[in-house]
């Protein structure tokens, strides 16, 4: 059974910080990013694709949890499963 890890992001986190957090996760784990309501960094398709690519390179299954509808839509468009 693969480990499950959760990272609670801050509104001030940048793409580079999120990428470092992904690299620090256990390889092969399922990683959930819990996105706060006003986090604008993940409302950009290019940023989400960079984060997805980072997770793939690190061998991590990435999922996203957000209450913001547009963030979930963009995440799914980038290939990241996103949930409420």
N, C-alpha and C. Protein backbone atom coordinates (compact mmCIF):
# COMPACT_ATOMS: atom_id res chain seq x y z
N UNK A 1 0.84 -1.18 0.00
CA UNK A 1 0.00 0.00 0.00
C UNK A 1 0.88 1.25 0.00
N UNK A 2 0.59 2.17 -0.87
CA UNK A 2 1.42 3.37 -0.99
C UNK A 2 1.09 4.37 0.12
N UNK A 3 2.10 5.09 0.60
CA UNK A 3 1.85 6.09 1.64
C UNK A 3 1.07 7.29 1.08
N UNK A 4 0.29 7.90 1.95
CA UNK A 4 -0.47 9.10 1.59
C UNK A 4 0.06 10.25 2.42
N UNK A 5 0.41 11.34 1.76
CA UNK A 5 0.92 12.53 2.44
C UNK A 5 0.05 13.73 2.06
N UNK A 6 -0.10 14.65 3.00
CA UNK A 6 -0.89 15.86 2.77
C UNK A 6 -0.03 17.07 3.07
N UNK A 7 -0.02 18.02 2.17
CA UNK A 7 0.69 19.28 2.38
C UNK A 7 -0.36 20.40 2.34
N UNK A 8 -0.43 21.14 3.43
CA UNK A 8 -1.33 22.29 3.50
C UNK A 8 -0.56 23.52 3.05
N UNK A 9 -0.94 24.06 1.92
CA UNK A 9 -0.25 25.22 1.37
C UNK A 9 -0.71 26.50 2.06
N UNK A 10 0.15 27.51 1.98
CA UNK A 10 -0.18 28.85 2.46
C UNK A 10 -0.51 29.72 1.25
N UNK A 11 -1.21 30.81 1.48
CA UNK A 11 -1.54 31.71 0.38
C UNK A 11 -0.30 32.34 -0.23
N UNK A 12 0.77 32.44 0.54
CA UNK A 12 1.99 33.10 0.05
C UNK A 12 2.94 32.14 -0.67
N UNK A 13 2.66 30.85 -0.68
CA UNK A 13 3.57 29.89 -1.32
C UNK A 13 3.67 30.16 -2.82
N UNK A 14 4.89 30.08 -3.31
CA UNK A 14 5.13 30.26 -4.75
C UNK A 14 5.23 28.88 -5.41
N UNK A 15 5.30 28.86 -6.73
CA UNK A 15 5.45 27.61 -7.47
C UNK A 15 6.74 26.92 -7.07
N UNK A 16 7.80 27.69 -6.88
CA UNK A 16 9.08 27.10 -6.50
C UNK A 16 9.02 26.45 -5.13
N UNK A 17 8.32 27.06 -4.19
CA UNK A 17 8.15 26.48 -2.86
C UNK A 17 7.36 25.18 -2.96
N UNK A 18 6.30 25.18 -3.75
CA UNK A 18 5.48 23.98 -3.91
C UNK A 18 6.30 22.87 -4.56
N UNK A 19 7.11 23.20 -5.52
CA UNK A 19 7.97 22.20 -6.17
C UNK A 19 8.96 21.60 -5.17
N UNK A 20 9.53 22.41 -4.31
CA UNK A 20 10.44 21.90 -3.28
C UNK A 20 9.71 20.97 -2.31
N UNK A 21 8.48 21.33 -1.96
CA UNK A 21 7.68 20.48 -1.07
C UNK A 21 7.39 19.13 -1.74
N UNK A 22 7.14 19.15 -3.03
CA UNK A 22 6.89 17.90 -3.75
C UNK A 22 8.14 17.03 -3.75
N UNK A 23 9.30 17.63 -4.00
CA UNK A 23 10.55 16.86 -3.98
C UNK A 23 10.87 16.30 -2.60
N UNK A 24 10.37 16.94 -1.55
CA UNK A 24 10.65 16.45 -0.20
C UNK A 24 9.70 15.32 0.23
N UNK A 25 8.68 15.05 -0.57
CA UNK A 25 7.74 13.97 -0.26
C UNK A 25 8.37 12.61 -0.53
N UNK A 26 7.79 11.59 0.05
CA UNK A 26 8.28 10.22 -0.13
C UNK A 26 8.04 9.76 -1.56
N UNK A 27 9.09 9.29 -2.26
CA UNK A 27 8.89 8.80 -3.63
C UNK A 27 7.88 7.65 -3.65
N UNK A 28 6.99 7.69 -4.62
CA UNK A 28 5.97 6.67 -4.75
C UNK A 28 4.71 6.95 -3.93
N UNK A 29 4.71 8.03 -3.19
CA UNK A 29 3.56 8.36 -2.34
C UNK A 29 2.45 9.02 -3.15
N UNK A 30 1.27 9.00 -2.57
CA UNK A 30 0.17 9.80 -3.10
C UNK A 30 0.19 11.10 -2.29
N UNK A 31 0.40 12.21 -2.97
CA UNK A 31 0.54 13.50 -2.31
C UNK A 31 -0.68 14.37 -2.59
N UNK A 32 -1.31 14.84 -1.52
CA UNK A 32 -2.45 15.74 -1.63
C UNK A 32 -2.00 17.15 -1.29
N UNK A 33 -2.28 18.08 -2.18
CA UNK A 33 -2.04 19.50 -1.91
C UNK A 33 -3.36 20.12 -1.48
N UNK A 34 -3.42 20.60 -0.25
CA UNK A 34 -4.61 21.28 0.26
C UNK A 34 -4.40 22.78 0.02
N UNK A 35 -5.21 23.33 -0.87
CA UNK A 35 -5.04 24.71 -1.33
C UNK A 35 -5.99 25.63 -0.57
N UNK A 36 -5.46 26.68 0.07
CA UNK A 36 -6.35 27.63 0.76
C UNK A 36 -7.16 28.44 -0.25
N UNK A 37 -8.24 29.01 0.24
CA UNK A 37 -9.20 29.70 -0.62
C UNK A 37 -8.58 30.80 -1.47
N UNK A 38 -7.77 31.63 -0.93
CA UNK A 38 -7.26 32.79 -1.67
C UNK A 38 -5.87 32.59 -2.29
N UNK A 39 -5.46 31.37 -2.46
CA UNK A 39 -4.16 31.09 -3.07
C UNK A 39 -4.25 31.32 -4.58
N UNK A 40 -3.54 32.31 -5.06
CA UNK A 40 -3.62 32.66 -6.47
C UNK A 40 -2.59 31.93 -7.32
N UNK A 41 -1.59 31.34 -6.70
CA UNK A 41 -0.51 30.70 -7.45
C UNK A 41 -1.02 29.52 -8.28
N UNK A 42 -2.06 28.84 -7.82
CA UNK A 42 -2.56 27.68 -8.54
C UNK A 42 -3.77 28.01 -9.41
N UNK A 43 -3.95 29.27 -9.72
CA UNK A 43 -5.02 29.68 -10.63
C UNK A 43 -4.44 30.00 -12.01
N UNK A 44 -3.31 29.39 -12.29
CA UNK A 44 -2.61 29.61 -13.55
C UNK A 44 -2.28 28.24 -14.15
N UNK A 45 -2.72 27.99 -15.36
CA UNK A 45 -2.53 26.69 -16.00
C UNK A 45 -1.06 26.33 -16.16
N UNK A 46 -0.24 27.30 -16.49
CA UNK A 46 1.19 27.04 -16.67
C UNK A 46 1.83 26.59 -15.36
N UNK A 47 1.48 27.24 -14.26
CA UNK A 47 2.01 26.85 -12.95
C UNK A 47 1.56 25.45 -12.58
N UNK A 48 0.31 25.13 -12.84
CA UNK A 48 -0.20 23.80 -12.53
C UNK A 48 0.51 22.73 -13.36
N UNK A 49 0.80 23.02 -14.61
CA UNK A 49 1.52 22.06 -15.45
C UNK A 49 2.95 21.86 -14.96
N UNK A 50 3.59 22.94 -14.48
CA UNK A 50 4.94 22.80 -13.91
C UNK A 50 4.92 21.92 -12.67
N UNK A 51 3.91 22.10 -11.84
CA UNK A 51 3.78 21.31 -10.62
C UNK A 51 3.50 19.85 -10.97
N UNK A 52 2.66 19.60 -11.94
CA UNK A 52 2.36 18.24 -12.39
C UNK A 52 3.62 17.56 -12.91
N UNK A 53 4.40 18.27 -13.71
CA UNK A 53 5.64 17.73 -14.26
C UNK A 53 6.64 17.41 -13.15
N UNK A 54 6.71 18.27 -12.14
CA UNK A 54 7.59 18.04 -11.01
C UNK A 54 7.21 16.76 -10.28
N UNK A 55 5.91 16.57 -10.06
CA UNK A 55 5.43 15.37 -9.37
C UNK A 55 5.76 14.11 -10.19
N UNK A 56 5.59 14.18 -11.49
CA UNK A 56 5.91 13.04 -12.34
C UNK A 56 7.40 12.70 -12.26
N UNK A 57 8.25 13.73 -12.29
CA UNK A 57 9.69 13.50 -12.21
C UNK A 57 10.09 12.93 -10.85
N UNK A 58 9.37 13.28 -9.80
CA UNK A 58 9.66 12.79 -8.45
C UNK A 58 9.01 11.43 -8.18
N UNK A 59 8.22 10.93 -9.12
CA UNK A 59 7.56 9.65 -8.93
C UNK A 59 6.43 9.69 -7.92
N UNK A 60 5.70 10.79 -7.90
CA UNK A 60 4.65 11.01 -6.92
C UNK A 60 3.31 11.16 -7.64
N UNK A 61 2.28 10.51 -7.08
CA UNK A 61 0.92 10.70 -7.60
C UNK A 61 0.34 11.92 -6.91
N UNK A 62 0.03 12.94 -7.68
CA UNK A 62 -0.41 14.22 -7.13
C UNK A 62 -1.91 14.38 -7.24
N UNK A 63 -2.54 14.85 -6.15
CA UNK A 63 -3.96 15.19 -6.11
C UNK A 63 -4.09 16.57 -5.46
N UNK A 64 -5.16 17.24 -5.76
CA UNK A 64 -5.36 18.59 -5.25
C UNK A 64 -6.73 18.71 -4.60
N UNK A 65 -6.79 19.40 -3.48
CA UNK A 65 -8.06 19.67 -2.80
C UNK A 65 -8.21 21.17 -2.67
N UNK A 66 -9.30 21.70 -3.23
CA UNK A 66 -9.54 23.14 -3.19
C UNK A 66 -11.03 23.43 -3.18
N UNK A 67 -11.41 24.46 -2.45
CA UNK A 67 -12.80 24.89 -2.44
C UNK A 67 -13.10 25.83 -3.61
N UNK A 68 -12.05 26.31 -4.29
CA UNK A 68 -12.21 27.24 -5.40
C UNK A 68 -12.47 26.47 -6.70
N UNK A 69 -13.64 26.71 -7.27
CA UNK A 69 -14.09 25.98 -8.46
C UNK A 69 -13.12 26.13 -9.63
N UNK A 70 -12.67 27.34 -9.92
CA UNK A 70 -11.79 27.59 -11.05
C UNK A 70 -10.44 26.87 -10.88
N UNK A 71 -9.95 26.81 -9.67
CA UNK A 71 -8.69 26.10 -9.41
C UNK A 71 -8.85 24.62 -9.73
N UNK A 72 -9.96 24.04 -9.34
CA UNK A 72 -10.19 22.61 -9.63
C UNK A 72 -10.31 22.37 -11.14
N UNK A 73 -10.98 23.26 -11.84
CA UNK A 73 -11.13 23.11 -13.30
C UNK A 73 -9.76 23.17 -13.99
N UNK A 74 -8.95 24.16 -13.61
CA UNK A 74 -7.62 24.30 -14.21
C UNK A 74 -6.73 23.11 -13.86
N UNK A 75 -6.82 22.62 -12.63
CA UNK A 75 -6.01 21.47 -12.23
C UNK A 75 -6.36 20.25 -13.08
N UNK A 76 -7.63 20.03 -13.28
CA UNK A 76 -8.04 18.88 -14.11
C UNK A 76 -7.57 19.06 -15.54
N UNK A 77 -7.59 20.30 -16.03
CA UNK A 77 -7.10 20.58 -17.38
C UNK A 77 -5.60 20.30 -17.49
N UNK A 78 -4.88 20.51 -16.38
CA UNK A 78 -3.44 20.23 -16.36
C UNK A 78 -3.14 18.76 -16.11
N UNK A 79 -4.18 17.96 -15.84
CA UNK A 79 -3.98 16.53 -15.63
C UNK A 79 -3.83 16.15 -14.17
N UNK A 80 -4.21 17.03 -13.26
CA UNK A 80 -4.13 16.76 -11.83
C UNK A 80 -5.55 16.49 -11.31
N UNK A 81 -5.79 15.33 -10.71
CA UNK A 81 -7.11 15.09 -10.12
C UNK A 81 -7.39 16.12 -9.03
N UNK A 82 -8.55 16.74 -9.07
CA UNK A 82 -8.87 17.82 -8.13
C UNK A 82 -10.24 17.56 -7.51
N UNK A 83 -10.32 17.81 -6.21
CA UNK A 83 -11.53 17.53 -5.45
C UNK A 83 -11.87 18.72 -4.56
N UNK A 84 -13.13 18.77 -4.12
CA UNK A 84 -13.61 19.82 -3.24
C UNK A 84 -13.15 19.56 -1.82
